[in-house]
Amino acid sequence: MVDGSMGPSFLVTSHWSEDGKLDVVSHFHSPAEVDSEIRLKMEWTWPKKCVPLMVHKKPDPFTFYFRQPVERATYTIILPPGAEVHWDVIALNRLRDDFEITRRTDAGRVEIKLAINNLPANRRAGMVLELQR
């Protein structure tokens, strides 16, 4: 809900495109009014998303791309116990963009969290992780 409280869940359709991207569509219960404000909380599990990072030991990008401006987007990666990573941002600049990347440990598992505020439409941005050797 616009006031920050949780409303009912929407029907969601997801599709893996041939280029390996996941398209997610949320179907509203009724059409949004023109120029109205919409707030969505979307959480999804992406099986095998981290194969490049965890299996192939290669740098792995974690990015957002939205067709409309987004007030806040958060990407959280929770690593297996004992795993440590290096990280850097993708297409973000501290002088231009409002974002924070944090690292914390919970029960022996490292969690890397990227939060971006006011992400413009049609702009890919995020972070890249690489296992420490």
Protein backbone atom coordinates (compact mmCIF):
# COMPACT_ATOMS: atom_id res chain seq x y z
CA MET A 1 0.00 0.00 0.00
CA VAL A 2 1.17 3.58 -0.59
CA ASP A 3 1.19 4.27 3.17
CA GLY A 4 3.76 1.48 3.66
CA SER A 5 1.38 -1.13 5.08
CA MET A 6 1.13 -4.54 3.43
CA GLY A 7 -1.82 -5.23 1.14
CA PRO A 8 -2.91 -8.46 -0.52
CA SER A 9 -0.52 -10.29 -2.82
CA PHE A 10 -0.83 -9.97 -6.59
CA LEU A 11 -0.82 -12.71 -9.18
CA VAL A 12 2.72 -12.85 -10.59
CA THR A 13 3.84 -14.20 -13.95
CA SER A 14 7.50 -14.97 -14.55
CA HIS A 15 9.30 -16.06 -17.66
CA TRP A 16 12.90 -16.96 -18.48
CA SER A 17 13.81 -15.35 -21.80
CA GLU A 18 16.18 -16.97 -24.27
CA ASP A 19 18.98 -14.57 -23.27
CA GLY A 20 18.85 -15.91 -19.68
CA LYS A 21 16.96 -12.97 -18.17
CA LEU A 22 14.06 -13.37 -15.78
CA ASP A 23 11.00 -11.24 -16.60
CA VAL A 24 8.59 -10.77 -13.69
CA VAL A 25 5.15 -9.18 -14.12
CA SER A 26 2.84 -8.29 -11.24
CA HIS A 27 -0.86 -8.22 -12.20
CA PHE A 28 -2.82 -5.56 -10.30
CA HIS A 29 -6.28 -6.37 -8.88
CA SER A 30 -7.60 -3.33 -10.75
CA PRO A 31 -5.89 -0.84 -13.10
CA ALA A 32 -3.85 1.91 -11.48
CA GLU A 33 -5.12 5.41 -12.07
CA VAL A 34 -3.11 7.67 -14.38
CA ASP A 35 -0.34 9.52 -12.47
CA SER A 36 -1.04 7.57 -9.27
CA GLU A 37 1.72 6.36 -6.98
CA ILE A 38 2.38 2.62 -6.79
CA ARG A 39 4.51 0.78 -4.24
CA LEU A 40 5.38 -2.89 -4.61
CA LYS A 41 7.48 -5.19 -2.51
CA MET A 42 8.83 -8.00 -4.65
CA GLU A 43 10.84 -10.91 -3.33
CA TRP A 44 11.85 -13.92 -5.37
CA THR A 45 14.13 -16.89 -5.16
CA TRP A 46 16.38 -17.35 -8.16
CA PRO A 47 17.62 -20.95 -8.23
CA LYS A 48 21.19 -21.31 -9.46
CA LYS A 49 21.62 -17.52 -9.86
CA CYS A 50 25.05 -17.78 -8.22
CA VAL A 51 26.45 -20.60 -10.39
CA PRO A 52 29.10 -18.31 -11.96
CA LEU A 53 30.21 -17.17 -8.49
CA MET A 54 29.96 -20.37 -6.46
CA VAL A 55 30.54 -23.13 -9.03
CA HIS A 56 32.73 -21.54 -11.71
CA LYS A 57 34.51 -19.18 -9.25
CA LYS A 58 34.01 -16.23 -11.63
CA PRO A 59 32.87 -12.65 -10.92
CA ASP A 60 29.07 -12.57 -10.86
CA PRO A 61 26.95 -9.44 -11.56
CA PHE A 62 23.80 -8.72 -9.57
CA THR A 63 21.93 -5.89 -11.29
CA PHE A 64 18.58 -4.15 -11.45
CA TYR A 65 16.83 -2.85 -14.54
CA PHE A 66 13.38 -1.31 -14.39
CA ARG A 67 11.35 0.32 -17.15
CA GLN A 68 9.96 2.88 -14.69
CA PRO A 69 11.78 4.92 -12.00
CA VAL A 70 12.04 3.04 -8.70
CA GLU A 71 12.10 4.72 -5.30
CA ARG A 72 14.11 1.95 -3.58
CA ALA A 73 15.58 -1.34 -4.73
CA THR A 74 17.53 -3.74 -2.51
CA TYR A 75 19.60 -6.77 -3.53
CA THR A 76 20.78 -9.08 -0.72
CA ILE A 77 23.18 -11.98 -1.29
CA ILE A 78 23.69 -14.46 1.57
CA LEU A 79 26.78 -16.60 1.05
CA PRO A 80 27.43 -20.13 2.31
CA PRO A 81 29.27 -20.46 5.64
CA GLY A 82 32.97 -19.60 5.29
CA ALA A 83 32.66 -17.86 1.89
CA GLU A 84 34.17 -14.38 1.59
CA VAL A 85 33.87 -12.04 -1.38
CA HIS A 86 35.28 -8.90 -2.93
CA TRP A 87 32.67 -6.53 -4.35
CA ASP A 88 32.32 -3.43 -6.47
CA VAL A 89 29.41 -1.43 -7.85
CA ILE A 90 28.17 -1.52 -11.46
CA ALA A 91 27.09 1.77 -13.11
CA LEU A 92 26.83 3.63 -9.80
CA ASN A 93 28.70 6.79 -8.81
CA ARG A 94 28.91 8.10 -5.24
CA LEU A 95 28.61 11.72 -6.44
CA ARG A 96 25.53 11.11 -8.61
CA ASP A 97 23.69 8.16 -7.07
CA ASP A 98 22.09 7.51 -3.69
CA PHE A 99 23.13 3.98 -2.71
CA GLU A 100 24.71 1.99 0.09
CA ILE A 101 26.52 -1.33 0.00
CA THR A 102 27.03 -3.11 3.30
CA ARG A 103 28.59 -6.33 4.56
CA ARG A 104 27.52 -8.12 7.71
CA THR A 105 27.96 -11.57 9.18
CA ASP A 106 25.10 -13.53 10.70
CA ALA A 107 25.65 -17.03 12.11
CA GLY A 108 28.93 -17.38 10.18
CA ARG A 109 27.38 -16.40 6.83
CA VAL A 110 28.40 -13.21 5.03
CA GLU A 111 25.57 -11.07 3.72
CA ILE A 112 26.22 -8.37 1.10
CA LYS A 113 23.39 -5.89 0.65
CA LEU A 114 23.05 -3.16 -1.97
CA ALA A 115 20.30 -0.57 -1.50
CA ILE A 116 19.69 2.00 -4.25
CA ASN A 117 17.37 4.97 -3.81
CA ASN A 118 15.72 6.78 -6.73
CA LEU A 119 16.92 4.51 -9.52
CA PRO A 120 16.01 6.10 -12.87
CA ALA A 121 14.08 4.21 -15.53
CA ASN A 122 15.94 2.18 -18.16
CA ARG A 123 19.24 2.10 -16.31
CA ARG A 124 21.04 -1.09 -15.34
CA ALA A 125 22.87 -0.76 -12.01
CA GLY A 126 24.03 -3.09 -9.27
CA MET A 127 27.11 -4.84 -7.92
CA VAL A 128 29.57 -7.55 -8.86
CA LEU A 129 30.87 -10.17 -6.40
CA GLU A 130 33.96 -12.37 -6.66
CA LEU A 131 35.05 -15.04 -4.20
CA GLN A 132 38.20 -14.26 -2.25
CA ARG A 133 40.92 -16.81 -2.84
